[in-house]
């Protein structure tokens, strides 16, 4: 297995662990509530193409950003842990994918600096 792929998997696992740490608790951030409600409305209405907040269409965000949350709502019901788990998984995936992208970009210029640059980008 490629060393960079192992590092990407390790970054994914570490980020997922950090995001899942102390996952429980009530929603407190306004954005969490908005996305959870939009996911609930999408899952219960069956309209997977339009994001809604309190029954009103919200066209400023793409519906694909809500799909993973709506699928989690459909699978697990109104579970805050399930919804936050999806967000934790997505955040960890972003960290790993940024590392892979950084490796790909930096390898063209200076192969020796690839890991430092990639770690900084993934940490951002």
C-alpha atoms as a PDB file:
ATOM      1  CA  UNK A   1       0.000   0.000   0.000  1.00  0.00           C
ATOM      2  CA  UNK A   2       1.218   3.475  -0.853  1.00  0.00           C
ATOM      3  CA  UNK A   3       2.696   5.459   2.069  1.00  0.00           C
ATOM      4  CA  UNK A   4       0.613   8.517   1.175  1.00  0.00           C
ATOM      5  CA  UNK A   5      -2.546   6.442   1.225  1.00  0.00           C
ATOM      6  CA  UNK A   6      -1.640   5.140   4.688  1.00  0.00           C
ATOM      7  CA  UNK A   7      -1.113   8.709   5.898  1.00  0.00           C
ATOM      8  CA  UNK A   8      -4.479   9.734   4.401  1.00  0.00           C
ATOM      9  CA  UNK A   9      -6.200   6.826   6.159  1.00  0.00           C
ATOM     10  CA  UNK A  10      -4.472   7.720   9.440  1.00  0.00           C
ATOM     11  CA  UNK A  11      -5.547  11.360   9.075  1.00  0.00           C
ATOM     12  CA  UNK A  12      -9.103  10.217   8.389  1.00  0.00           C
ATOM     13  CA  UNK A  13      -9.131   7.984  11.471  1.00  0.00           C
ATOM     14  CA  UNK A  14      -7.593  10.654  13.716  1.00  0.00           C
ATOM     15  CA  UNK A  15      -9.964  13.337  12.483  1.00  0.00           C
ATOM     16  CA  UNK A  16     -12.978  11.059  12.850  1.00  0.00           C
ATOM     17  CA  UNK A  17     -11.918  10.193  16.386  1.00  0.00           C
ATOM     18  CA  UNK A  18     -11.535  13.856  17.304  1.00  0.00           C
ATOM     19  CA  UNK A  19     -14.875  14.748  15.762  1.00  0.00           C
ATOM     20  CA  UNK A  20     -16.674  11.861  17.459  1.00  0.00           C
ATOM     21  CA  UNK A  21     -15.157  12.659  20.855  1.00  0.00           C
ATOM     22  CA  UNK A  22     -17.943  13.907  23.105  1.00  0.00           C
ATOM     23  CA  UNK A  23     -20.462  13.597  20.308  1.00  0.00           C
ATOM     24  CA  UNK A  24     -23.525  13.581  22.525  1.00  0.00           C
ATOM     25  CA  UNK A  25     -25.381  16.592  23.794  1.00  0.00           C
ATOM     26  CA  UNK A  26     -28.018  18.922  22.482  1.00  0.00           C
ATOM     27  CA  UNK A  27     -27.746  21.041  19.373  1.00  0.00           C
ATOM     28  CA  UNK A  28     -26.569  24.465  20.414  1.00  0.00           C
ATOM     29  CA  UNK A  29     -25.246  26.038  17.242  1.00  0.00           C
ATOM     30  CA  UNK A  30     -27.863  27.727  15.047  1.00  0.00           C
ATOM     31  CA  UNK A  31     -26.425  26.139  11.912  1.00  0.00           C
ATOM     32  CA  UNK A  32     -26.767  22.659  13.403  1.00  0.00           C
ATOM     33  CA  UNK A  33     -30.441  23.281  14.041  1.00  0.00           C
ATOM     34  CA  UNK A  34     -31.059  24.653  10.548  1.00  0.00           C
ATOM     35  CA  UNK A  35     -29.401  21.722   8.823  1.00  0.00           C
ATOM     36  CA  UNK A  36     -31.077  19.171  11.095  1.00  0.00           C
ATOM     37  CA  UNK A  37     -34.502  20.701  10.458  1.00  0.00           C
ATOM     38  CA  UNK A  38     -33.881  20.911   6.711  1.00  0.00           C
ATOM     39  CA  UNK A  39     -32.828  17.246   6.723  1.00  0.00           C
ATOM     40  CA  UNK A  40     -35.946  16.292   8.688  1.00  0.00           C
ATOM     41  CA  UNK A  41     -38.210  18.156   6.287  1.00  0.00           C
ATOM     42  CA  UNK A  42     -36.469  16.629   3.273  1.00  0.00           C
ATOM     43  CA  UNK A  43     -36.690  13.086   4.663  1.00  0.00           C
ATOM     44  CA  UNK A  44     -40.325  13.342   5.750  1.00  0.00           C
ATOM     45  CA  UNK A  45     -41.623  15.186   2.658  1.00  0.00           C
ATOM     46  CA  UNK A  46     -39.793  13.007   0.151  1.00  0.00           C
ATOM     47  CA  UNK A  47     -38.784  16.088  -1.867  1.00  0.00           C
ATOM     48  CA  UNK A  48     -35.064  15.482  -2.295  1.00  0.00           C
ATOM     49  CA  UNK A  49     -34.528  18.395  -4.675  1.00  0.00           C
ATOM     50  CA  UNK A  50     -35.609  21.362  -2.552  1.00  0.00           C
ATOM     51  CA  UNK A  51     -34.172  22.370   0.803  1.00  0.00           C
ATOM     52  CA  UNK A  52     -36.779  23.787   3.177  1.00  0.00           C
ATOM     53  CA  UNK A  53     -36.625  25.605   6.497  1.00  0.00           C
ATOM     54  CA  UNK A  54     -39.907  25.735   8.428  1.00  0.00           C
ATOM     55  CA  UNK A  55     -41.791  24.773   5.275  1.00  0.00           C
ATOM     56  CA  UNK A  56     -40.357  27.571   3.122  1.00  0.00           C
ATOM     57  CA  UNK A  57     -38.064  26.825   0.198  1.00  0.00           C
ATOM     58  CA  UNK A  58     -34.439  27.790   0.729  1.00  0.00           C
ATOM     59  CA  UNK A  59     -32.652  28.046  -2.590  1.00  0.00           C
ATOM     60  CA  UNK A  60     -29.361  29.560  -1.422  1.00  0.00           C
ATOM     61  CA  UNK A  61     -27.788  26.180  -0.610  1.00  0.00           C
ATOM     62  CA  UNK A  62     -27.614  23.099  -2.809  1.00  0.00           C
ATOM     63  CA  UNK A  63     -29.825  20.217  -1.667  1.00  0.00           C
ATOM     64  CA  UNK A  64     -26.918  17.796  -2.003  1.00  0.00           C
ATOM     65  CA  UNK A  65     -25.420  19.299   1.154  1.00  0.00           C
ATOM     66  CA  UNK A  66     -28.451  18.024   3.072  1.00  0.00           C
ATOM     67  CA  UNK A  67     -28.778  14.591   1.445  1.00  0.00           C
ATOM     68  CA  UNK A  68     -26.391  12.719   3.804  1.00  0.00           C
ATOM     69  CA  UNK A  69     -28.183  14.203   6.825  1.00  0.00           C
ATOM     70  CA  UNK A  70     -31.614  13.393   5.388  1.00  0.00           C
ATOM     71  CA  UNK A  71     -30.510   9.815   4.718  1.00  0.00           C
ATOM     72  CA  UNK A  72     -29.299   9.532   8.320  1.00  0.00           C
ATOM     73  CA  UNK A  73     -32.617  10.938   9.534  1.00  0.00           C
ATOM     74  CA  UNK A  74     -34.516   8.413   7.414  1.00  0.00           C
ATOM     75  CA  UNK A  75     -32.348   5.540   8.671  1.00  0.00           C
ATOM     76  CA  UNK A  76     -32.069   6.443  12.378  1.00  0.00           C
ATOM     77  CA  UNK A  77     -34.900   8.881  13.035  1.00  0.00           C
ATOM     78  CA  UNK A  78     -34.446  12.149  14.919  1.00  0.00           C
ATOM     79  CA  UNK A  79     -31.154  11.138  16.492  1.00  0.00           C
ATOM     80  CA  UNK A  80     -28.764  13.992  17.175  1.00  0.00           C
ATOM     81  CA  UNK A  81     -25.907  11.523  17.479  1.00  0.00           C
ATOM     82  CA  UNK A  82     -26.634  10.095  14.019  1.00  0.00           C
ATOM     83  CA  UNK A  83     -26.774  13.551  12.453  1.00  0.00           C
ATOM     84  CA  UNK A  84     -23.587  14.649  14.167  1.00  0.00           C
ATOM     85  CA  UNK A  85     -21.956  11.348  13.214  1.00  0.00           C
ATOM     86  CA  UNK A  86     -22.609  12.131   9.553  1.00  0.00           C
ATOM     87  CA  UNK A  87     -21.018  15.558  10.008  1.00  0.00           C
ATOM     88  CA  UNK A  88     -18.018  14.004  11.771  1.00  0.00           C
ATOM     89  CA  UNK A  89     -17.596  11.482   8.944  1.00  0.00           C
ATOM     90  CA  UNK A  90     -17.809  14.238   6.325  1.00  0.00           C
ATOM     91  CA  UNK A  91     -15.268  16.404   8.165  1.00  0.00           C
ATOM     92  CA  UNK A  92     -12.828  13.490   8.468  1.00  0.00           C
ATOM     93  CA  UNK A  93     -13.279  12.708   4.790  1.00  0.00           C
ATOM     94  CA  UNK A  94     -12.481  16.325   3.910  1.00  0.00           C
ATOM     95  CA  UNK A  95      -9.246  16.159   5.910  1.00  0.00           C
ATOM     96  CA  UNK A  96      -8.146  12.967   4.152  1.00  0.00           C
ATOM     97  CA  UNK A  97      -9.133  14.228   0.699  1.00  0.00           C
ATOM     98  CA  UNK A  98      -7.334  17.535   1.251  1.00  0.00           C
ATOM     99  CA  UNK A  99      -4.202  15.611   2.160  1.00  0.00           C
ATOM    100  CA  UNK A 100      -4.484  13.518  -1.010  1.00  0.00           C
ATOM    101  CA  UNK A 101      -5.089  16.635  -3.093  1.00  0.00           C
ATOM    102  CA  UNK A 102      -2.141  18.372  -1.471  1.00  0.00           C
ATOM    103  CA  UNK A 103       0.100  15.413  -2.237  1.00  0.00           C
ATOM    104  CA  UNK A 104      -0.984  15.432  -5.841  1.00  0.00           C
ATOM    105  CA  UNK A 105      -0.434  19.188  -6.239  1.00  0.00           C
ATOM    106  CA  UNK A 106       2.832  19.491  -4.337  1.00  0.00           C
ATOM    107  CA  UNK A 107       4.413  16.427  -5.925  1.00  0.00           C
ATOM    108  CA  UNK A 108       4.581  18.281  -9.216  1.00  0.00           C
ATOM    109  CA  UNK A 109       6.747  21.047  -7.767  1.00  0.00           C
ATOM    110  CA  UNK A 110       8.944  19.758  -4.936  1.00  0.00           C
ATOM    111  CA  UNK A 111       8.558  16.110  -4.022  1.00  0.00           C
ATOM    112  CA  UNK A 112      10.647  16.448  -0.825  1.00  0.00           C
ATOM    113  CA  UNK A 113       8.252  18.934   0.804  1.00  0.00           C
ATOM    114  CA  UNK A 114       5.109  16.981   0.102  1.00  0.00           C
ATOM    115  CA  UNK A 115       4.344  15.791   3.632  1.00  0.00           C
ATOM    116  CA  UNK A 116       4.796  19.090   5.439  1.00  0.00           C
ATOM    117  CA  UNK A 117       2.731  20.979   2.911  1.00  0.00           C
ATOM    118  CA  UNK A 118       0.044  18.302   2.823  1.00  0.00           C
ATOM    119  CA  UNK A 119      -0.239  18.180   6.626  1.00  0.00           C
ATOM    120  CA  UNK A 120      -0.617  21.956   6.789  1.00  0.00           C
ATOM    121  CA  UNK A 121      -3.300  21.926   4.118  1.00  0.00           C
ATOM    122  CA  UNK A 122      -5.135  19.025   5.723  1.00  0.00           C
ATOM    123  CA  UNK A 123      -4.969  20.742   9.113  1.00  0.00           C
ATOM    124  CA  UNK A 124      -6.564  23.852   7.658  1.00  0.00           C
END
